[in-house]
Amino acid sequence: MPAPAGFSPPPALPPRVRAFVHASRWGASREGLLVVKPDVIGAKLAQLQDRLTRIESHHPPSPEQLGGDRDTLDLLSFNLMLAVQVCADIASHIAKWLLASGQP
């Protein structure tokens, strides 16, 4: 959904950020401010929970066992990397809203 007609991001933003915020496909409130989409955050939190569950289910009881099993180490590392990426996605979604709303 494009920004509503007449919407302009706060002037304090750098021009490139302003252009991105204006061109983004975020929903807008009646006041014309971009809003954090709860369904997006909820979906990302569900993805994070899935990754953490997978990490817990494959975690060996001791560091020695983990060091001796490269496949399990790779699986845990990969899921940990994806969990961090989901956290970065959530932070990015919130940061865009903060920039667009003029929050510090």
PDB file of N, CA and C in Angstrom:
ATOM      1  N   MET A   1       0.846  -1.170   0.000  1.00  0.00           N
ATOM      2  CA  MET A   1       0.000   0.000   0.000  1.00  0.00           C
ATOM      3  C   MET A   1       0.891   1.234   0.000  1.00  0.00           C
ATOM      4  N   PRO A   2       0.761   2.128  -0.953  1.00  0.00           N
ATOM      5  CA  PRO A   2       1.569   3.337  -1.001  1.00  0.00           C
ATOM      6  C   PRO A   2       1.137   4.317   0.086  1.00  0.00           C
ATOM      7  N   ALA A   3       2.011   5.263   0.396  1.00  0.00           N
ATOM      8  CA  ALA A   3       1.691   6.291   1.383  1.00  0.00           C
ATOM      9  C   ALA A   3       0.514   7.111   0.870  1.00  0.00           C
ATOM     10  N   PRO A   4      -0.310   7.644   1.777  1.00  0.00           N
ATOM     11  CA  PRO A   4      -1.465   8.421   1.345  1.00  0.00           C
ATOM     12  C   PRO A   4      -1.043   9.688   0.602  1.00  0.00           C
ATOM     13  N   ALA A   5      -1.950  10.182  -0.233  1.00  0.00           N
ATOM     14  CA  ALA A   5      -1.664  11.404  -0.986  1.00  0.00           C
ATOM     15  C   ALA A   5      -1.335  12.530  -0.021  1.00  0.00           C
ATOM     16  N   GLY A   6      -0.317  13.286  -0.343  1.00  0.00           N
ATOM     17  CA  GLY A   6       0.081  14.414   0.481  1.00  0.00           C
ATOM     18  C   GLY A   6       0.989  14.051   1.640  1.00  0.00           C
ATOM     19  N   PHE A   7       1.254  12.754   1.848  1.00  0.00           N
ATOM     20  CA  PHE A   7       2.136  12.360   2.942  1.00  0.00           C
ATOM     21  C   PHE A   7       3.568  12.691   2.592  1.00  0.00           C
ATOM     22  N   SER A   8       4.252  13.271   3.539  1.00  0.00           N
ATOM     23  CA  SER A   8       5.666  13.568   3.360  1.00  0.00           C
ATOM     24  C   SER A   8       6.388  13.187   4.634  1.00  0.00           C
ATOM     25  N   PRO A   9       7.479  12.400   4.558  1.00  0.00           N
ATOM     26  CA  PRO A   9       8.223  12.038   5.764  1.00  0.00           C
ATOM     27  C   PRO A   9       8.756  13.292   6.457  1.00  0.00           C
ATOM     28  N   PRO A  10       9.060  13.214   7.745  1.00  0.00           N
ATOM     29  CA  PRO A  10       9.571  14.368   8.474  1.00  0.00           C
ATOM     30  C   PRO A  10      10.790  14.981   7.777  1.00  0.00           C
ATOM     31  N   PRO A  11      10.901  16.317   7.739  1.00  0.00           N
ATOM     32  CA  PRO A  11      11.980  16.974   7.005  1.00  0.00           C
ATOM     33  C   PRO A  11      13.371  16.730   7.582  1.00  0.00           C
ATOM     34  N   ALA A  12      13.474  16.290   8.845  1.00  0.00           N
ATOM     35  CA  ALA A  12      14.784  16.090   9.458  1.00  0.00           C
ATOM     36  C   ALA A  12      15.505  14.860   8.907  1.00  0.00           C
ATOM     37  N   LEU A  13      14.811  14.016   8.164  1.00  0.00           N
ATOM     38  CA  LEU A  13      15.431  12.807   7.625  1.00  0.00           C
ATOM     39  C   LEU A  13      16.310  13.155   6.424  1.00  0.00           C
ATOM     40  N   PRO A  14      17.409  12.424   6.250  1.00  0.00           N
ATOM     41  CA  PRO A  14      18.223  12.625   5.049  1.00  0.00           C
ATOM     42  C   PRO A  14      17.393  12.336   3.799  1.00  0.00           C
ATOM     43  N   PRO A  15      17.690  12.989   2.672  1.00  0.00           N
ATOM     44  CA  PRO A  15      16.887  12.825   1.456  1.00  0.00           C
ATOM     45  C   PRO A  15      16.706  11.376   1.024  1.00  0.00           C
ATOM     46  N   ARG A  16      17.748  10.554   1.114  1.00  0.00           N
ATOM     47  CA  ARG A  16      17.617   9.160   0.683  1.00  0.00           C
ATOM     48  C   ARG A  16      16.662   8.385   1.577  1.00  0.00           C
ATOM     49  N   VAL A  17      16.719   8.659   2.887  1.00  0.00           N
ATOM     50  CA  VAL A  17      15.817   7.988   3.814  1.00  0.00           C
ATOM     51  C   VAL A  17      14.393   8.474   3.578  1.00  0.00           C
ATOM     52  N   ARG A  18      14.229   9.786   3.368  1.00  0.00           N
ATOM     53  CA  ARG A  18      12.899  10.336   3.083  1.00  0.00           C
ATOM     54  C   ARG A  18      12.292   9.663   1.848  1.00  0.00           C
ATOM     55  N   ALA A  19      13.103   9.505   0.804  1.00  0.00           N
ATOM     56  CA  ALA A  19      12.611   8.886  -0.425  1.00  0.00           C
ATOM     57  C   ALA A  19      12.196   7.441  -0.162  1.00  0.00           C
ATOM     58  N   PHE A  20      12.982   6.728   0.644  1.00  0.00           N
ATOM     59  CA  PHE A  20      12.656   5.337   0.952  1.00  0.00           C
ATOM     60  C   PHE A  20      11.363   5.248   1.747  1.00  0.00           C
ATOM     61  N   VAL A  21      11.239   6.084   2.765  1.00  0.00           N
ATOM     62  CA  VAL A  21      10.044   6.052   3.599  1.00  0.00           C
ATOM     63  C   VAL A  21       8.815   6.395   2.758  1.00  0.00           C
ATOM     64  N   HIS A  22       8.940   7.384   1.889  1.00  0.00           N
ATOM     65  CA  HIS A  22       7.813   7.796   1.060  1.00  0.00           C
ATOM     66  C   HIS A  22       7.412   6.681   0.084  1.00  0.00           C
ATOM     67  N   ALA A  23       8.398   5.959  -0.415  1.00  0.00           N
ATOM     68  CA  ALA A  23       8.130   4.928  -1.411  1.00  0.00           C
ATOM     69  C   ALA A  23       7.805   3.577  -0.793  1.00  0.00           C
ATOM     70  N   SER A  24       7.918   3.464   0.526  1.00  0.00           N
ATOM     71  CA  SER A  24       7.697   2.160   1.151  1.00  0.00           C
ATOM     72  C   SER A  24       6.238   1.745   1.039  1.00  0.00           C
ATOM     73  N   ARG A  25       6.006   0.455   1.262  1.00  0.00           N
ATOM     74  CA  ARG A  25       4.659  -0.088   1.104  1.00  0.00           C
ATOM     75  C   ARG A  25       4.010  -0.316   2.464  1.00  0.00           C
ATOM     76  N   TRP A  26       4.230   0.580   3.398  1.00  0.00           N
ATOM     77  CA  TRP A  26       3.678   0.433   4.738  1.00  0.00           C
ATOM     78  C   TRP A  26       2.258   0.959   4.780  1.00  0.00           C
ATOM     79  N   GLY A  27       1.500   0.496   5.745  1.00  0.00           N
ATOM     80  CA  GLY A  27       0.170   1.045   5.982  1.00  0.00           C
ATOM     81  C   GLY A  27       0.299   2.400   6.652  1.00  0.00           C
ATOM     82  N   ALA A  28      -0.729   3.183   6.591  1.00  0.00           N
ATOM     83  CA  ALA A  28      -0.717   4.504   7.206  1.00  0.00           C
ATOM     84  C   ALA A  28      -1.923   4.636   8.124  1.00  0.00           C
ATOM     85  N   SER A  29      -1.731   5.363   9.202  1.00  0.00           N
ATOM     86  CA  SER A  29      -2.846   5.635  10.096  1.00  0.00           C
ATOM     87  C   SER A  29      -3.674   6.772   9.521  1.00  0.00           C
ATOM     88  N   ARG A  30      -4.791   7.059  10.161  1.00  0.00           N
ATOM     89  CA  ARG A  30      -5.633   8.156   9.680  1.00  0.00           C
ATOM     90  C   ARG A  30      -4.909   9.497   9.744  1.00  0.00           C
ATOM     91  N   GLU A  31      -3.962   9.620  10.666  1.00  0.00           N
ATOM     92  CA  GLU A  31      -3.222  10.868  10.798  1.00  0.00           C
ATOM     93  C   GLU A  31      -2.128  10.971   9.740  1.00  0.00           C
ATOM     94  N   GLY A  32      -1.907   9.944   8.958  1.00  0.00           N
ATOM     95  CA  GLY A  32      -0.912   9.985   7.893  1.00  0.00           C
ATOM     96  C   GLY A  32       0.456   9.503   8.318  1.00  0.00           C
ATOM     97  N   LEU A  33       0.604   9.060   9.571  1.00  0.00           N
ATOM     98  CA  LEU A  33       1.900   8.554  10.018  1.00  0.00           C
ATOM     99  C   LEU A  33       1.989   7.069   9.718  1.00  0.00           C
ATOM    100  N   LEU A  34       3.162   6.628   9.357  1.00  0.00           N
ATOM    101  CA  LEU A  34       3.361   5.194   9.135  1.00  0.00           C
ATOM    102  C   LEU A  34       3.266   4.473  10.466  1.00  0.00           C
ATOM    103  N   VAL A  35       2.780   3.256  10.448  1.00  0.00           N
ATOM    104  CA  VAL A  35       2.596   2.502  11.684  1.00  0.00           C
ATOM    105  C   VAL A  35       3.328   1.168  11.607  1.00  0.00           C
ATOM    106  N   VAL A  36       3.688   0.665  12.779  1.00  0.00           N
ATOM    107  CA  VAL A  36       4.261  -0.670  12.856  1.00  0.00           C
ATOM    108  C   VAL A  36       3.125  -1.648  12.623  1.00  0.00           C
ATOM    109  N   LYS A  37       3.341  -2.608  11.740  1.00  0.00           N
ATOM    110  CA  LYS A  37       2.305  -3.599  11.446  1.00  0.00           C
ATOM    111  C   LYS A  37       2.425  -4.748  12.443  1.00  0.00           C
ATOM    112  N   PRO A  38       1.425  -4.909  13.311  1.00  0.00           N
ATOM    113  CA  PRO A  38       1.486  -5.990  14.303  1.00  0.00           C
ATOM    114  C   PRO A  38       1.570  -7.373  13.670  1.00  0.00           C
ATOM    115  N   ASP A  39       0.937  -7.567  12.506  1.00  0.00           N
ATOM    116  CA  ASP A  39       0.989  -8.883  11.872  1.00  0.00           C
ATOM    117  C   ASP A  39       2.397  -9.206  11.391  1.00  0.00           C
ATOM    118  N   VAL A  40       3.140  -8.190  10.963  1.00  0.00           N
ATOM    119  CA  VAL A  40       4.527  -8.405  10.535  1.00  0.00           C
ATOM    120  C   VAL A  40       5.385  -8.778  11.742  1.00  0.00           C
ATOM    121  N   ILE A  41       5.241  -8.014  12.827  1.00  0.00           N
ATOM    122  CA  ILE A  41       6.012  -8.304  14.047  1.00  0.00           C
ATOM    123  C   ILE A  41       5.637  -9.679  14.589  1.00  0.00           C
ATOM    124  N   GLY A  42       4.354 -10.001  14.591  1.00  0.00           N
ATOM    125  CA  GLY A  42       3.905 -11.316  15.074  1.00  0.00           C
ATOM    126  C   GLY A  42       4.475 -12.453  14.258  1.00  0.00           C
ATOM    127  N   ALA A  43       4.492 -12.292  12.938  1.00  0.00           N
ATOM    128  CA  ALA A  43       5.053 -13.334  12.071  1.00  0.00           C
ATOM    129  C   ALA A  43       6.546 -13.496  12.319  1.00  0.00           C
ATOM    130  N   LYS A  44       7.242 -12.384  12.500  1.00  0.00           N
ATOM    131  CA  LYS A  44       8.683 -12.452  12.763  1.00  0.00           C
ATOM    132  C   LYS A  44       8.952 -13.109  14.116  1.00  0.00           C
ATOM    133  N   LEU A  45       8.141 -12.801  15.122  1.00  0.00           N
ATOM    134  CA  LEU A  45       8.320 -13.432  16.430  1.00  0.00           C
ATOM    135  C   LEU A  45       8.051 -14.935  16.357  1.00  0.00           C
ATOM    136  N   ALA A  46       7.088 -15.335  15.537  1.00  0.00           N
ATOM    137  CA  ALA A  46       6.832 -16.768  15.347  1.00  0.00           C
ATOM    138  C   ALA A  46       8.024 -17.444  14.676  1.00  0.00           C
ATOM    139  N   GLN A  47       8.623 -16.768  13.695  1.00  0.00           N
ATOM    140  CA  GLN A  47       9.824 -17.305  13.046  1.00  0.00           C
ATOM    141  C   GLN A  47      10.959 -17.433  14.050  1.00  0.00           C
ATOM    142  N   LEU A  48      11.101 -16.417  14.911  1.00  0.00           N
ATOM    143  CA  LEU A  48      12.165 -16.455  15.923  1.00  0.00           C
ATOM    144  C   LEU A  48      11.935 -17.623  16.884  1.00  0.00           C
ATOM    145  N   GLN A  49      10.697 -17.814  17.325  1.00  0.00           N
ATOM    146  CA  GLN A  49      10.395 -18.931  18.225  1.00  0.00           C
ATOM    147  C   GLN A  49      10.710 -20.266  17.568  1.00  0.00           C
ATOM    148  N   ASP A  50      10.398 -20.398  16.292  1.00  0.00           N
ATOM    149  CA  ASP A  50      10.695 -21.632  15.559  1.00  0.00           C
ATOM    150  C   ASP A  50      12.198 -21.891  15.529  1.00  0.00           C
ATOM    151  N   ARG A  51      12.974 -20.863  15.243  1.00  0.00           N
ATOM    152  CA  ARG A  51      14.440 -21.028  15.193  1.00  0.00           C
ATOM    153  C   ARG A  51      14.994 -21.415  16.562  1.00  0.00           C
ATOM    154  N   LEU A  52      14.498 -20.760  17.614  1.00  0.00           N
ATOM    155  CA  LEU A  52      14.985 -21.071  18.961  1.00  0.00           C
ATOM    156  C   LEU A  52      14.603 -22.488  19.370  1.00  0.00           C
ATOM    157  N   THR A  53      13.416 -22.925  18.985  1.00  0.00           N
ATOM    158  CA  THR A  53      12.978 -24.297  19.275  1.00  0.00           C
ATOM    159  C   THR A  53      13.873 -25.304  18.562  1.00  0.00           C
ATOM    160  N   ARG A  54      14.208 -25.007  17.304  1.00  0.00           N
ATOM    161  CA  ARG A  54      15.092 -25.905  16.554  1.00  0.00           C
ATOM    162  C   ARG A  54      16.482 -25.962  17.182  1.00  0.00           C
ATOM    163  N   ILE A  55      16.973 -24.815  17.651  1.00  0.00           N
ATOM    164  CA  ILE A  55      18.289 -24.785  18.309  1.00  0.00           C
ATOM    165  C   ILE A  55      18.243 -25.633  19.575  1.00  0.00           C
ATOM    166  N   GLU A  56      17.207 -25.447  20.387  1.00  0.00           N
ATOM    167  CA  GLU A  56      17.088 -26.212  21.634  1.00  0.00           C
ATOM    168  C   GLU A  56      16.943 -27.702  21.377  1.00  0.00           C
ATOM    169  N   SER A  57      16.221 -28.077  20.327  1.00  0.00           N
ATOM    170  CA  SER A  57      15.981 -29.497  20.078  1.00  0.00           C
ATOM    171  C   SER A  57      17.216 -30.237  19.553  1.00  0.00           C
ATOM    172  N   HIS A  58      18.150 -29.523  18.988  1.00  0.00           N
ATOM    173  CA  HIS A  58      19.352 -30.161  18.442  1.00  0.00           C
ATOM    174  C   HIS A  58      20.595 -29.915  19.288  1.00  0.00           C
ATOM    175  N   HIS A  59      20.433 -29.207  20.387  1.00  0.00           N
ATOM    176  CA  HIS A  59      21.585 -28.869  21.224  1.00  0.00           C
ATOM    177  C   HIS A  59      22.036 -30.089  22.025  1.00  0.00           C
ATOM    178  N   PRO A  60      23.293 -30.514  21.866  1.00  0.00           N
ATOM    179  CA  PRO A  60      23.783 -31.664  22.640  1.00  0.00           C
ATOM    180  C   PRO A  60      23.997 -31.270  24.109  1.00  0.00           C
ATOM    181  N   PRO A  61      24.057 -32.267  24.986  1.00  0.00           N
ATOM    182  CA  PRO A  61      24.175 -31.976  26.421  1.00  0.00           C
ATOM    183  C   PRO A  61      25.512 -31.371  26.846  1.00  0.00           C
ATOM    184  N   SER A  62      26.556 -31.554  26.056  1.00  0.00           N
ATOM    185  CA  SER A  62      27.853 -31.010  26.482  1.00  0.00           C
ATOM    186  C   SER A  62      28.583 -30.349  25.308  1.00  0.00           C
ATOM    187  N   PRO A  63      29.443 -29.364  25.610  1.00  0.00           N
ATOM    188  CA  PRO A  63      30.222 -28.714  24.559  1.00  0.00           C
ATOM    189  C   PRO A  63      31.142 -29.686  23.824  1.00  0.00           C
ATOM    190  N   GLU A  64      31.615 -30.697  24.527  1.00  0.00           N
ATOM    191  CA  GLU A  64      32.498 -31.678  23.900  1.00  0.00           C
ATOM    192  C   GLU A  64      31.780 -32.447  22.795  1.00  0.00           C
ATOM    193  N   GLN A  65      30.543 -32.829  23.067  1.00  0.00           N
ATOM    194  CA  GLN A  65      29.763 -33.543  22.060  1.00  0.00           C
ATOM    195  C   GLN A  65      29.483 -32.646  20.855  1.00  0.00           C
ATOM    196  N   LEU A  66      29.245 -31.383  21.117  1.00  0.00           N
ATOM    197  CA  LEU A  66      28.999 -30.452  20.020  1.00  0.00           C
ATOM    198  C   LEU A  66      30.256 -30.287  19.173  1.00  0.00           C
ATOM    199  N   GLY A  67      31.403 -30.188  19.815  1.00  0.00           N
ATOM    200  CA  GLY A  67      32.666 -30.037  19.089  1.00  0.00           C
ATOM    201  C   GLY A  67      32.998 -31.234  18.223  1.00  0.00           C
ATOM    202  N   GLY A  68      32.499 -32.404  18.597  1.00  0.00           N
ATOM    203  CA  GLY A  68      32.801 -33.608  17.841  1.00  0.00           C
ATOM    204  C   GLY A  68      31.809 -33.917  16.731  1.00  0.00           C
ATOM    205  N   ASP A  69      30.752 -33.133  16.612  1.00  0.00           N
ATOM    206  CA  ASP A  69      29.718 -33.395  15.606  1.00  0.00           C
ATOM    207  C   ASP A  69      29.540 -32.152  14.734  1.00  0.00           C
ATOM    208  N   ARG A  70      30.262 -32.140  13.616  1.00  0.00           N
ATOM    209  CA  ARG A  70      30.239 -30.955  12.745  1.00  0.00           C
ATOM    210  C   ARG A  70      28.870 -30.700  12.120  1.00  0.00           C
ATOM    211  N   ASP A  71      28.130 -31.760  11.835  1.00  0.00           N
ATOM    212  CA  ASP A  71      26.798 -31.570  11.240  1.00  0.00           C
ATOM    213  C   ASP A  71      25.865 -30.843  12.210  1.00  0.00           C
ATOM    214  N   THR A  72      25.878 -31.266  13.463  1.00  0.00           N
ATOM    215  CA  THR A  72      25.043 -30.601  14.472  1.00  0.00           C
ATOM    216  C   THR A  72      25.520 -29.175  14.689  1.00  0.00           C
ATOM    217  N   LEU A  73      26.816 -28.974  14.722  1.00  0.00           N
ATOM    218  CA  LEU A  73      27.363 -27.626  14.876  1.00  0.00           C
ATOM    219  C   LEU A  73      26.919 -26.728  13.718  1.00  0.00           C
ATOM    220  N   ASP A  74      26.964 -27.255  12.508  1.00  0.00           N
ATOM    221  CA  ASP A  74      26.514 -26.483  11.342  1.00  0.00           C
ATOM    222  C   ASP A  74      25.025 -26.159  11.435  1.00  0.00           C
ATOM    223  N   LEU A  75      24.224 -27.151  11.849  1.00  0.00           N
ATOM    224  CA  LEU A  75      22.787 -26.940  11.976  1.00  0.00           C
ATOM    225  C   LEU A  75      22.479 -25.877  13.024  1.00  0.00           C
ATOM    226  N   LEU A  76      23.141 -25.960  14.172  1.00  0.00           N
ATOM    227  CA  LEU A  76      22.929 -24.970  15.221  1.00  0.00           C
ATOM    228  C   LEU A  76      23.390 -23.584  14.781  1.00  0.00           C
ATOM    229  N   SER A  77      24.546 -23.524  14.142  1.00  0.00           N
ATOM    230  CA  SER A  77      25.072 -22.235  13.666  1.00  0.00           C
ATOM    231  C   SER A  77      24.131 -21.603  12.651  1.00  0.00           C
ATOM    232  N   PHE A  78      23.636 -22.405  11.731  1.00  0.00           N
ATOM    233  CA  PHE A  78      22.737 -21.897  10.699  1.00  0.00           C
ATOM    234  C   PHE A  78      21.446 -21.353  11.313  1.00  0.00           C
ATOM    235  N   ASN A  79      20.851 -22.117  12.238  1.00  0.00           N
ATOM    236  CA  ASN A  79      19.620 -21.652  12.874  1.00  0.00           C
ATOM    237  C   ASN A  79      19.855 -20.441  13.762  1.00  0.00           C
ATOM    238  N   LEU A  80      21.004 -20.365  14.394  1.00  0.00           N
ATOM    239  CA  LEU A  80      21.346 -19.185  15.182  1.00  0.00           C
ATOM    240  C   LEU A  80      21.502 -17.962  14.278  1.00  0.00           C
ATOM    241  N   MET A  81      22.144 -18.147  13.131  1.00  0.00           N
ATOM    242  CA  MET A  81      22.289 -17.052  12.172  1.00  0.00           C
ATOM    243  C   MET A  81      20.913 -16.575  11.701  1.00  0.00           C
ATOM    244  N   LEU A  82      20.003 -17.505  11.412  1.00  0.00           N
ATOM    245  CA  LEU A  82      18.661 -17.125  10.979  1.00  0.00           C
ATOM    246  C   LEU A  82      17.886 -16.430  12.092  1.00  0.00           C
ATOM    247  N   ALA A  83      18.084 -16.846  13.330  1.00  0.00           N
ATOM    248  CA  ALA A  83      17.437 -16.190  14.466  1.00  0.00           C
ATOM    249  C   ALA A  83      17.919 -14.749  14.598  1.00  0.00           C
ATOM    250  N   VAL A  84      19.211 -14.540  14.445  1.00  0.00           N
ATOM    251  CA  VAL A  84      19.763 -13.177  14.500  1.00  0.00           C
ATOM    252  C   VAL A  84      19.195 -12.340  13.357  1.00  0.00           C
ATOM    253  N   GLN A  85      19.051 -12.926  12.170  1.00  0.00           N
ATOM    254  CA  GLN A  85      18.488 -12.207  11.029  1.00  0.00           C
ATOM    255  C   GLN A  85      17.045 -11.787  11.297  1.00  0.00           C
ATOM    256  N   VAL A  86      16.267 -12.658  11.921  1.00  0.00           N
ATOM    257  CA  VAL A  86      14.886 -12.313  12.256  1.00  0.00           C
ATOM    258  C   VAL A  86      14.868 -11.141  13.238  1.00  0.00           C
ATOM    259  N   CYS A  87      15.763 -11.169  14.226  1.00  0.00           N
ATOM    260  CA  CYS A  87      15.853 -10.058  15.178  1.00  0.00           C
ATOM    261  C   CYS A  87      16.207  -8.757  14.460  1.00  0.00           C
ATOM    262  N   ALA A  88      17.117  -8.834  13.503  1.00  0.00           N
ATOM    263  CA  ALA A  88      17.483  -7.649  12.721  1.00  0.00           C
ATOM    264  C   ALA A  88      16.292  -7.162  11.893  1.00  0.00           C
ATOM    265  N   ASP A  89      15.501  -8.084  11.353  1.00  0.00           N
ATOM    266  CA  ASP A  89      14.309  -7.706  10.591  1.00  0.00           C
ATOM    267  C   ASP A  89      13.306  -6.964  11.480  1.00  0.00           C
ATOM    268  N   ILE A  90      13.106  -7.463  12.687  1.00  0.00           N
ATOM    269  CA  ILE A  90      12.190  -6.808  13.628  1.00  0.00           C
ATOM    270  C   ILE A  90      12.709  -5.411  13.971  1.00  0.00           C
ATOM    271  N   ALA A  91      13.991  -5.320  14.270  1.00  0.00           N
ATOM    272  CA  ALA A  91      14.579  -4.021  14.599  1.00  0.00           C
ATOM    273  C   ALA A  91      14.470  -3.050  13.427  1.00  0.00           C
ATOM    274  N   SER A  92      14.678  -3.543  12.232  1.00  0.00           N
ATOM    275  CA  SER A  92      14.573  -2.698  11.042  1.00  0.00           C
ATOM    276  C   SER A  92      13.151  -2.190  10.857  1.00  0.00           C
ATOM    277  N   HIS A  93      12.177  -3.051  11.050  1.00  0.00           N
ATOM    278  CA  HIS A  93      10.773  -2.663  10.909  1.00  0.00           C
ATOM    279  C   HIS A  93      10.425  -1.551  11.905  1.00  0.00           C
ATOM    280  N   ILE A  94      10.871  -1.711  13.139  1.00  0.00           N
ATOM    281  CA  ILE A  94      10.592  -0.711  14.173  1.00  0.00           C
ATOM    282  C   ILE A  94      11.383   0.564  13.913  1.00  0.00           C
ATOM    283  N   ALA A  95      12.631   0.441  13.485  1.00  0.00           N
ATOM    284  CA  ALA A  95      13.459   1.624  13.212  1.00  0.00           C
ATOM    285  C   ALA A  95      12.880   2.460  12.089  1.00  0.00           C
ATOM    286  N   LYS A  96      12.335   1.816  11.053  1.00  0.00           N
ATOM    287  CA  LYS A  96      11.706   2.564   9.964  1.00  0.00           C
ATOM    288  C   LYS A  96      10.529   3.369  10.496  1.00  0.00           C
ATOM    289  N   TRP A  97       9.758   2.756  11.373  1.00  0.00           N
ATOM    290  CA  TRP A  97       8.622   3.468  11.956  1.00  0.00           C
ATOM    291  C   TRP A  97       9.111   4.646  12.789  1.00  0.00           C
ATOM    292  N   LEU A  98      10.156   4.428  13.594  1.00  0.00           N
ATOM    293  CA  LEU A  98      10.690   5.514  14.414  1.00  0.00           C
ATOM    294  C   LEU A  98      11.206   6.669  13.548  1.00  0.00           C
ATOM    295  N   LEU A  99      11.911   6.336  12.481  1.00  0.00           N
ATOM    296  CA  LEU A  99      12.392   7.391  11.578  1.00  0.00           C
ATOM    297  C   LEU A  99      11.234   8.146  10.947  1.00  0.00           C
ATOM    298  N   ALA A 100      10.243   7.423  10.500  1.00  0.00           N
ATOM    299  CA  ALA A 100       9.114   8.061   9.821  1.00  0.00           C
ATOM    300  C   ALA A 100       8.270   8.901  10.771  1.00  0.00           C
ATOM    301  N   SER A 101       8.206   8.494  12.022  1.00  0.00           N
ATOM    302  CA  SER A 101       7.363   9.232  12.976  1.00  0.00           C
ATOM    303  C   SER A 101       8.126  10.327  13.698  1.00  0.00           C
ATOM    304  N   GLY A 102       9.433  10.412  13.424  1.00  0.00           N
ATOM    305  CA  GLY A 102      10.237  11.464  14.058  1.00  0.00           C
ATOM    306  C   GLY A 102      10.656  11.147  15.483  1.00  0.00           C
ATOM    307  N   GLN A 103      10.502   9.898  15.899  1.00  0.00           N
ATOM    308  CA  GLN A 103      10.905   9.503  17.248  1.00  0.00           C
ATOM    309  C   GLN A 103      12.428   9.432  17.325  1.00  0.00           C
ATOM    310  N   PRO A 104      12.989   9.772  18.486  1.00  0.00           N
ATOM    311  CA  PRO A 104      14.469   9.711  18.624  1.00  0.00           C
ATOM    312  C   PRO A 104      15.006   8.303  18.607  1.00  0.00           C
TER     313      PRO A 104
END
